Amino acid sequence: MNGAAAARQANRKPKGTLTVPPCPGAIFEENAVRDDEVFQLAVSDLSLSDDILQSEKITHSIKLIEPNNPFQAVQEGRKHVEEM
């Protein structure tokens, strides 16, 4: 085997070896600060949403329907819609 053939043989990869190019979406040091800022903004938005939900007044009502009277449920539903 001459020198050029020996160099090609030395540069060959074993079968089944995979070469993976660098990932363009990987988080590097310069992006880590921005990722942290985005995360902090998301957390603060969630906190703000929770504060808004806690301050909202939520009302509900329960109307008991007579057993075996399906028409009463329809009538109660119509009353509710008309009140809105």
PDB file of N, CA and C in Angstrom:
ATOM      1  N   MET A   1       0.852  -1.160   0.000  1.00  0.00           N
ATOM      2  CA  MET A   1       0.000   0.000   0.000  1.00  0.00           C
ATOM      3  C   MET A   1       0.901   1.228   0.000  1.00  0.00           C
ATOM      4  N   ASN A   2       0.632   2.147  -0.927  1.00  0.00           N
ATOM      5  CA  ASN A   2       1.456   3.355  -0.997  1.00  0.00           C
ATOM      6  C   ASN A   2       0.981   4.375   0.030  1.00  0.00           C
ATOM      7  N   GLY A   3       1.623   5.523   0.126  1.00  0.00           N
ATOM      8  CA  GLY A   3       1.317   6.536   1.135  1.00  0.00           C
ATOM      9  C   GLY A   3      -0.072   7.124   0.991  1.00  0.00           C
ATOM     10  N   ALA A   4      -0.517   7.392  -0.243  1.00  0.00           N
ATOM     11  CA  ALA A   4      -1.839   7.981  -0.468  1.00  0.00           C
ATOM     12  C   ALA A   4      -2.932   7.005  -0.090  1.00  0.00           C
ATOM     13  N   ALA A   5      -2.765   5.735  -0.439  1.00  0.00           N
ATOM     14  CA  ALA A   5      -3.754   4.715  -0.104  1.00  0.00           C
ATOM     15  C   ALA A   5      -3.827   4.529   1.398  1.00  0.00           C
ATOM     16  N   ALA A   6      -2.697   4.577   2.086  1.00  0.00           N
ATOM     17  CA  ALA A   6      -2.667   4.421   3.535  1.00  0.00           C
ATOM     18  C   ALA A   6      -3.383   5.593   4.209  1.00  0.00           C
ATOM     19  N   ALA A   7      -3.234   6.799   3.673  1.00  0.00           N
ATOM     20  CA  ALA A   7      -3.898   7.976   4.241  1.00  0.00           C
ATOM     21  C   ALA A   7      -5.408   7.876   4.076  1.00  0.00           C
ATOM     22  N   ARG A   8      -5.871   7.390   2.895  1.00  0.00           N
ATOM     23  CA  ARG A   8      -7.310   7.222   2.682  1.00  0.00           C
ATOM     24  C   ARG A   8      -7.862   6.178   3.640  1.00  0.00           C
ATOM     25  N   GLN A   9      -7.109   5.107   3.832  1.00  0.00           N
ATOM     26  CA  GLN A   9      -7.546   4.036   4.729  1.00  0.00           C
ATOM     27  C   GLN A   9      -7.656   4.568   6.168  1.00  0.00           C
ATOM     28  N   ALA A  10      -6.716   5.415   6.572  1.00  0.00           N
ATOM     29  CA  ALA A  10      -6.713   5.945   7.929  1.00  0.00           C
ATOM     30  C   ALA A  10      -7.873   6.916   8.141  1.00  0.00           C
ATOM     31  N   ASN A  11      -8.305   7.619   7.080  1.00  0.00           N
ATOM     32  CA  ASN A  11      -9.392   8.593   7.204  1.00  0.00           C
ATOM     33  C   ASN A  11     -10.779   7.987   7.102  1.00  0.00           C
ATOM     34  N   ARG A  12     -10.865   6.723   6.726  1.00  0.00           N
ATOM     35  CA  ARG A  12     -12.173   6.077   6.602  1.00  0.00           C
ATOM     36  C   ARG A  12     -12.775   5.852   7.978  1.00  0.00           C
ATOM     37  N   LYS A  13     -14.078   6.023   8.029  1.00  0.00           N
ATOM     38  CA  LYS A  13     -14.798   5.802   9.275  1.00  0.00           C
ATOM     39  C   LYS A  13     -15.283   4.363   9.295  1.00  0.00           C
ATOM     40  N   PRO A  14     -15.354   3.766  10.459  1.00  0.00           N
ATOM     41  CA  PRO A  14     -15.893   2.416  10.534  1.00  0.00           C
ATOM     42  C   PRO A  14     -17.344   2.400  10.072  1.00  0.00           C
ATOM     43  N   LYS A  15     -17.798   1.269   9.561  1.00  0.00           N
ATOM     44  CA  LYS A  15     -19.188   1.153   9.107  1.00  0.00           C
ATOM     45  C   LYS A  15     -20.122   1.399  10.291  1.00  0.00           C
ATOM     46  N   GLY A  16     -21.220   2.089  10.025  1.00  0.00           N
ATOM     47  CA  GLY A  16     -22.196   2.385  11.073  1.00  0.00           C
ATOM     48  C   GLY A  16     -21.904   3.666  11.821  1.00  0.00           C
ATOM     49  N   THR A  17     -20.798   4.342  11.514  1.00  0.00           N
ATOM     50  CA  THR A  17     -20.482   5.600  12.177  1.00  0.00           C
ATOM     51  C   THR A  17     -21.243   6.713  11.499  1.00  0.00           C
ATOM     52  N   LEU A  18     -21.831   7.547  12.274  1.00  0.00           N
ATOM     53  CA  LEU A  18     -22.662   8.623  11.762  1.00  0.00           C
ATOM     54  C   LEU A  18     -22.029   9.959  12.099  1.00  0.00           C
ATOM     55  N   THR A  19     -22.000  10.840  11.139  1.00  0.00           N
ATOM     56  CA  THR A  19     -21.491  12.180  11.388  1.00  0.00           C
ATOM     57  C   THR A  19     -22.683  13.105  11.540  1.00  0.00           C
ATOM     58  N   VAL A  20     -22.781  13.789  12.666  1.00  0.00           N
ATOM     59  CA  VAL A  20     -23.898  14.685  12.930  1.00  0.00           C
ATOM     60  C   VAL A  20     -23.396  16.119  12.843  1.00  0.00           C
ATOM     61  N   PRO A  21     -23.979  16.916  11.948  1.00  0.00           N
ATOM     62  CA  PRO A  21     -23.564  18.317  11.858  1.00  0.00           C
ATOM     63  C   PRO A  21     -24.007  19.072  13.105  1.00  0.00           C
ATOM     64  N   PRO A  22     -23.376  20.181  13.417  1.00  0.00           N
ATOM     65  CA  PRO A  22     -23.795  20.956  14.584  1.00  0.00           C
ATOM     66  C   PRO A  22     -25.237  21.408  14.445  1.00  0.00           C
ATOM     67  N   CYS A  23     -25.969  21.396  15.534  1.00  0.00           N
ATOM     68  CA  CYS A  23     -27.388  21.754  15.525  1.00  0.00           C
ATOM     69  C   CYS A  23     -27.532  23.274  15.542  1.00  0.00           C
ATOM     70  N   PRO A  24     -28.188  23.860  14.535  1.00  0.00           N
ATOM     71  CA  PRO A  24     -28.307  25.317  14.502  1.00  0.00           C
ATOM     72  C   PRO A  24     -29.238  25.870  15.580  1.00  0.00           C
ATOM     73  N   GLY A  25     -30.107  25.044  16.166  1.00  0.00           N
ATOM     74  CA  GLY A  25     -31.043  25.524  17.181  1.00  0.00           C
ATOM     75  C   GLY A  25     -30.583  25.269  18.595  1.00  0.00           C
ATOM     76  N   ALA A  26     -29.362  24.839  18.764  1.00  0.00           N
ATOM     77  CA  ALA A  26     -28.874  24.534  20.110  1.00  0.00           C
ATOM     78  C   ALA A  26     -28.770  25.803  20.932  1.00  0.00           C
ATOM     79  N   ILE A  27     -28.948  25.662  22.223  1.00  0.00           N
ATOM     80  CA  ILE A  27     -28.849  26.807  23.128  1.00  0.00           C
ATOM     81  C   ILE A  27     -27.389  26.997  23.499  1.00  0.00           C
ATOM     82  N   PHE A  28     -26.845  28.121  23.115  1.00  0.00           N
ATOM     83  CA  PHE A  28     -25.461  28.449  23.445  1.00  0.00           C
ATOM     84  C   PHE A  28     -25.468  29.547  24.494  1.00  0.00           C
ATOM     85  N   GLU A  29     -24.318  29.867  24.991  1.00  0.00           N
ATOM     86  CA  GLU A  29     -24.200  30.828  26.084  1.00  0.00           C
ATOM     87  C   GLU A  29     -24.869  32.161  25.759  1.00  0.00           C
ATOM     88  N   GLU A  30     -24.681  32.665  24.526  1.00  0.00           N
ATOM     89  CA  GLU A  30     -25.268  33.960  24.184  1.00  0.00           C
ATOM     90  C   GLU A  30     -26.793  33.904  24.113  1.00  0.00           C
ATOM     91  N   ASN A  31     -27.352  32.735  23.817  1.00  0.00           N
ATOM     92  CA  ASN A  31     -28.804  32.602  23.746  1.00  0.00           C
ATOM     93  C   ASN A  31     -29.417  32.264  25.099  1.00  0.00           C
ATOM     94  N   ALA A  32     -28.625  31.783  26.028  1.00  0.00           N
ATOM     95  CA  ALA A  32     -29.145  31.361  27.320  1.00  0.00           C
ATOM     96  C   ALA A  32     -29.761  32.536  28.074  1.00  0.00           C
ATOM     97  N   VAL A  33     -29.156  33.708  27.976  1.00  0.00           N
ATOM     98  CA  VAL A  33     -29.685  34.888  28.661  1.00  0.00           C
ATOM     99  C   VAL A  33     -31.055  35.247  28.086  1.00  0.00           C
ATOM    100  N   ARG A  34     -31.167  35.229  26.772  1.00  0.00           N
ATOM    101  CA  ARG A  34     -32.447  35.559  26.128  1.00  0.00           C
ATOM    102  C   ARG A  34     -33.505  34.512  26.476  1.00  0.00           C
ATOM    103  N   ASP A  35     -33.126  33.234  26.475  1.00  0.00           N
ATOM    104  CA  ASP A  35     -34.068  32.186  26.835  1.00  0.00           C
ATOM    105  C   ASP A  35     -34.574  32.383  28.264  1.00  0.00           C
ATOM    106  N   ASP A  36     -33.688  32.783  29.163  1.00  0.00           N
ATOM    107  CA  ASP A  36     -34.081  33.021  30.543  1.00  0.00           C
ATOM    108  C   ASP A  36     -35.049  34.203  30.626  1.00  0.00           C
ATOM    109  N   GLU A  37     -34.804  35.259  29.848  1.00  0.00           N
ATOM    110  CA  GLU A  37     -35.700  36.415  29.841  1.00  0.00           C
ATOM    111  C   GLU A  37     -37.091  36.020  29.357  1.00  0.00           C
ATOM    112  N   VAL A  38     -37.150  35.221  28.296  1.00  0.00           N
ATOM    113  CA  VAL A  38     -38.437  34.779  27.765  1.00  0.00           C
ATOM    114  C   VAL A  38     -39.169  33.934  28.803  1.00  0.00           C
ATOM    115  N   PHE A  39     -38.444  33.062  29.473  1.00  0.00           N
ATOM    116  CA  PHE A  39     -39.051  32.232  30.512  1.00  0.00           C
ATOM    117  C   PHE A  39     -39.595  33.097  31.649  1.00  0.00           C
ATOM    118  N   GLN A  40     -38.816  34.078  32.087  1.00  0.00           N
ATOM    119  CA  GLN A  40     -39.253  34.962  33.174  1.00  0.00           C
ATOM    120  C   GLN A  40     -40.503  35.754  32.765  1.00  0.00           C
ATOM    121  N   LEU A  41     -40.561  36.204  31.509  1.00  0.00           N
ATOM    122  CA  LEU A  41     -41.751  36.912  31.030  1.00  0.00           C
ATOM    123  C   LEU A  41     -42.973  35.998  31.048  1.00  0.00           C
ATOM    124  N   ALA A  42     -42.790  34.753  30.633  1.00  0.00           N
ATOM    125  CA  ALA A  42     -43.903  33.805  30.635  1.00  0.00           C
ATOM    126  C   ALA A  42     -44.401  33.574  32.060  1.00  0.00           C
ATOM    127  N   VAL A  43     -43.482  33.432  33.003  1.00  0.00           N
ATOM    128  CA  VAL A  43     -43.872  33.211  34.400  1.00  0.00           C
ATOM    129  C   VAL A  43     -44.598  34.431  34.942  1.00  0.00           C
ATOM    130  N   SER A  44     -44.116  35.639  34.623  1.00  0.00           N
ATOM    131  CA  SER A  44     -44.785  36.849  35.120  1.00  0.00           C
ATOM    132  C   SER A  44     -46.171  36.997  34.492  1.00  0.00           C
ATOM    133  N   ASP A  45     -46.324  36.603  33.218  1.00  0.00           N
ATOM    134  CA  ASP A  45     -47.650  36.642  32.590  1.00  0.00           C
ATOM    135  C   ASP A  45     -48.605  35.701  33.299  1.00  0.00           C
ATOM    136  N   LEU A  46     -48.121  34.520  33.658  1.00  0.00           N
ATOM    137  CA  LEU A  46     -48.971  33.572  34.387  1.00  0.00           C
ATOM    138  C   LEU A  46     -49.369  34.129  35.745  1.00  0.00           C
ATOM    139  N   SER A  47     -48.433  34.771  36.428  1.00  0.00           N
ATOM    140  CA  SER A  47     -48.736  35.365  37.728  1.00  0.00           C
ATOM    141  C   SER A  47     -49.774  36.471  37.585  1.00  0.00           C
ATOM    142  N   LEU A  48     -49.636  37.294  36.554  1.00  0.00           N
ATOM    143  CA  LEU A  48     -50.591  38.365  36.312  1.00  0.00           C
ATOM    144  C   LEU A  48     -51.970  37.789  36.014  1.00  0.00           C
ATOM    145  N   SER A  49     -52.010  36.742  35.200  1.00  0.00           N
ATOM    146  CA  SER A  49     -53.287  36.101  34.879  1.00  0.00           C
ATOM    147  C   SER A  49     -53.938  35.551  36.139  1.00  0.00           C
ATOM    148  N   ASP A  50     -53.146  34.971  37.025  1.00  0.00           N
ATOM    149  CA  ASP A  50     -53.675  34.433  38.265  1.00  0.00           C
ATOM    150  C   ASP A  50     -54.227  35.554  39.135  1.00  0.00           C
ATOM    151  N   ASP A  51     -53.522  36.691  39.201  1.00  0.00           N
ATOM    152  CA  ASP A  51     -54.012  37.835  39.976  1.00  0.00           C
ATOM    153  C   ASP A  51     -55.350  38.320  39.427  1.00  0.00           C
ATOM    154  N   ILE A  52     -55.469  38.370  38.105  1.00  0.00           N
ATOM    155  CA  ILE A  52     -56.721  38.813  37.485  1.00  0.00           C
ATOM    156  C   ILE A  52     -57.837  37.829  37.812  1.00  0.00           C
ATOM    157  N   LEU A  53     -57.551  36.539  37.695  1.00  0.00           N
ATOM    158  CA  LEU A  53     -58.570  35.533  37.996  1.00  0.00           C
ATOM    159  C   LEU A  53     -59.007  35.593  39.459  1.00  0.00           C
ATOM    160  N   GLN A  54     -58.056  35.821  40.359  1.00  0.00           N
ATOM    161  CA  GLN A  54     -58.392  35.889  41.773  1.00  0.00           C
ATOM    162  C   GLN A  54     -59.263  37.107  42.083  1.00  0.00           C
ATOM    163  N   SER A  55     -59.133  38.182  41.325  1.00  0.00           N
ATOM    164  CA  SER A  55     -59.904  39.385  41.596  1.00  0.00           C
ATOM    165  C   SER A  55     -61.270  39.381  40.912  1.00  0.00           C
ATOM    166  N   GLU A  56     -61.482  38.489  39.967  1.00  0.00           N
ATOM    167  CA  GLU A  56     -62.762  38.429  39.264  1.00  0.00           C
ATOM    168  C   GLU A  56     -63.836  37.855  40.172  1.00  0.00           C
ATOM    169  N   LYS A  57     -65.021  38.375  40.036  1.00  0.00           N
ATOM    170  CA  LYS A  57     -66.157  37.841  40.776  1.00  0.00           C
ATOM    171  C   LYS A  57     -66.888  36.880  39.844  1.00  0.00           C
ATOM    172  N   ILE A  58     -66.954  35.650  40.260  1.00  0.00           N
ATOM    173  CA  ILE A  58     -67.607  34.621  39.455  1.00  0.00           C
ATOM    174  C   ILE A  58     -68.888  34.224  40.171  1.00  0.00           C
ATOM    175  N   THR A  59     -69.987  34.308  39.469  1.00  0.00           N
ATOM    176  CA  THR A  59     -71.270  33.952  40.073  1.00  0.00           C
ATOM    177  C   THR A  59     -71.845  32.740  39.360  1.00  0.00           C
ATOM    178  N   HIS A  60     -72.612  31.996  40.085  1.00  0.00           N
ATOM    179  CA  HIS A  60     -73.304  30.853  39.500  1.00  0.00           C
ATOM    180  C   HIS A  60     -74.590  30.638  40.276  1.00  0.00           C
ATOM    181  N   SER A  61     -75.496  29.962  39.672  1.00  0.00           N
ATOM    182  CA  SER A  61     -76.743  29.639  40.355  1.00  0.00           C
ATOM    183  C   SER A  61     -77.116  28.208  40.021  1.00  0.00           C
ATOM    184  N   ILE A  62     -77.834  27.618  40.944  1.00  0.00           N
ATOM    185  CA  ILE A  62     -78.286  26.237  40.771  1.00  0.00           C
ATOM    186  C   ILE A  62     -79.791  26.234  40.914  1.00  0.00           C
ATOM    187  N   LYS A  63     -80.454  25.672  39.961  1.00  0.00           N
ATOM    188  CA  LYS A  63     -81.913  25.568  39.998  1.00  0.00           C
ATOM    189  C   LYS A  63     -82.258  24.091  40.006  1.00  0.00           C
ATOM    190  N   LEU A  64     -82.972  23.677  41.039  1.00  0.00           N
ATOM    191  CA  LEU A  64     -83.369  22.277  41.124  1.00  0.00           C
ATOM    192  C   LEU A  64     -84.549  22.035  40.198  1.00  0.00           C
ATOM    193  N   ILE A  65     -84.467  20.976  39.445  1.00  0.00           N
ATOM    194  CA  ILE A  65     -85.503  20.607  38.484  1.00  0.00           C
ATOM    195  C   ILE A  65     -86.292  19.444  39.067  1.00  0.00           C
ATOM    196  N   GLU A  66     -87.589  19.519  38.911  1.00  0.00           N
ATOM    197  CA  GLU A  66     -88.429  18.433  39.415  1.00  0.00           C
ATOM    198  C   GLU A  66     -88.107  17.144  38.669  1.00  0.00           C
ATOM    199  N   PRO A  67     -88.047  16.041  39.405  1.00  0.00           N
ATOM    200  CA  PRO A  67     -87.802  14.761  38.726  1.00  0.00           C
ATOM    201  C   PRO A  67     -88.955  14.438  37.771  1.00  0.00           C
ATOM    202  N   ASN A  68     -88.638  13.747  36.741  1.00  0.00           N
ATOM    203  CA  ASN A  68     -89.610  13.301  35.737  1.00  0.00           C
ATOM    204  C   ASN A  68     -90.337  14.452  35.049  1.00  0.00           C
ATOM    205  N   ASN A  69     -89.712  15.634  34.979  1.00  0.00           N
ATOM    206  CA  ASN A  69     -90.325  16.762  34.287  1.00  0.00           C
ATOM    207  C   ASN A  69     -89.285  17.399  33.371  1.00  0.00           C
ATOM    208  N   PRO A  70     -89.023  16.786  32.214  1.00  0.00           N
ATOM    209  CA  PRO A  70     -88.000  17.328  31.317  1.00  0.00           C
ATOM    210  C   PRO A  70     -88.368  18.694  30.750  1.00  0.00           C
ATOM    211  N   PHE A  71     -89.648  19.021  30.705  1.00  0.00           N
ATOM    212  CA  PHE A  71     -90.063  20.300  30.150  1.00  0.00           C
ATOM    213  C   PHE A  71     -89.663  21.463  31.053  1.00  0.00           C
ATOM    214  N   GLN A  72     -89.571  21.208  32.369  1.00  0.00           N
ATOM    215  CA  GLN A  72     -89.171  22.265  33.287  1.00  0.00           C
ATOM    216  C   GLN A  72     -87.745  22.721  32.985  1.00  0.00           C
ATOM    217  N   ALA A  73     -86.884  21.773  32.635  1.00  0.00           N
ATOM    218  CA  ALA A  73     -85.505  22.126  32.310  1.00  0.00           C
ATOM    219  C   ALA A  73     -85.463  23.043  31.093  1.00  0.00           C
ATOM    220  N   VAL A  74     -86.274  22.759  30.097  1.00  0.00           N
ATOM    221  CA  VAL A  74     -86.323  23.602  28.894  1.00  0.00           C
ATOM    222  C   VAL A  74     -86.849  24.985  29.254  1.00  0.00           C
ATOM    223  N   GLN A  75     -87.888  25.041  30.096  1.00  0.00           N
ATOM    224  CA  GLN A  75     -88.461  26.326  30.490  1.00  0.00           C
ATOM    225  C   GLN A  75     -87.456  27.153  31.286  1.00  0.00           C
ATOM    226  N   GLU A  76     -86.721  26.510  32.197  1.00  0.00           N
ATOM    227  CA  GLU A  76     -85.724  27.223  32.987  1.00  0.00           C
ATOM    228  C   GLU A  76     -84.611  27.746  32.092  1.00  0.00           C
ATOM    229  N   GLY A  77     -84.241  26.969  31.092  1.00  0.00           N
ATOM    230  CA  GLY A  77     -83.207  27.409  30.158  1.00  0.00           C
ATOM    231  C   GLY A  77     -83.652  28.625  29.364  1.00  0.00           C
ATOM    232  N   ARG A  78     -84.900  28.640  28.947  1.00  0.00           N
ATOM    233  CA  ARG A  78     -85.424  29.795  28.207  1.00  0.00           C
ATOM    234  C   ARG A  78     -85.443  31.043  29.084  1.00  0.00           C
ATOM    235  N   LYS A  79     -85.838  30.885  30.354  1.00  0.00           N
ATOM    236  CA  LYS A  79     -85.867  32.036  31.267  1.00  0.00           C
ATOM    237  C   LYS A  79     -84.467  32.630  31.406  1.00  0.00           C
ATOM    238  N   HIS A  80     -83.491  31.751  31.529  1.00  0.00           N
ATOM    239  CA  HIS A  80     -82.114  32.209  31.703  1.00  0.00           C
ATOM    240  C   HIS A  80     -81.639  32.986  30.475  1.00  0.00           C
ATOM    241  N   VAL A  81     -81.969  32.506  29.309  1.00  0.00           N
ATOM    242  CA  VAL A  81     -81.555  33.180  28.070  1.00  0.00           C
ATOM    243  C   VAL A  81     -82.247  34.535  27.945  1.00  0.00           C
ATOM    244  N   GLU A  82     -83.504  34.603  28.312  1.00  0.00           N
ATOM    245  CA  GLU A  82     -84.245  35.864  28.214  1.00  0.00           C
ATOM    246  C   GLU A  82     -83.708  36.906  29.186  1.00  0.00           C
ATOM    247  N   GLU A  83     -83.177  36.460  30.338  1.00  0.00           N
ATOM    248  CA  GLU A  83     -82.642  37.382  31.333  1.00  0.00           C
ATOM    249  C   GLU A  83     -81.325  37.999  30.866  1.00  0.00           C
ATOM    250  N   MET A  84     -80.659  37.354  29.965  1.00  0.00           N
ATOM    251  CA  MET A  84     -79.354  37.840  29.503  1.00  0.00           C
ATOM    252  C   MET A  84     -79.548  38.928  28.548  1.00  0.00           C
TER     253      MET A  84
END
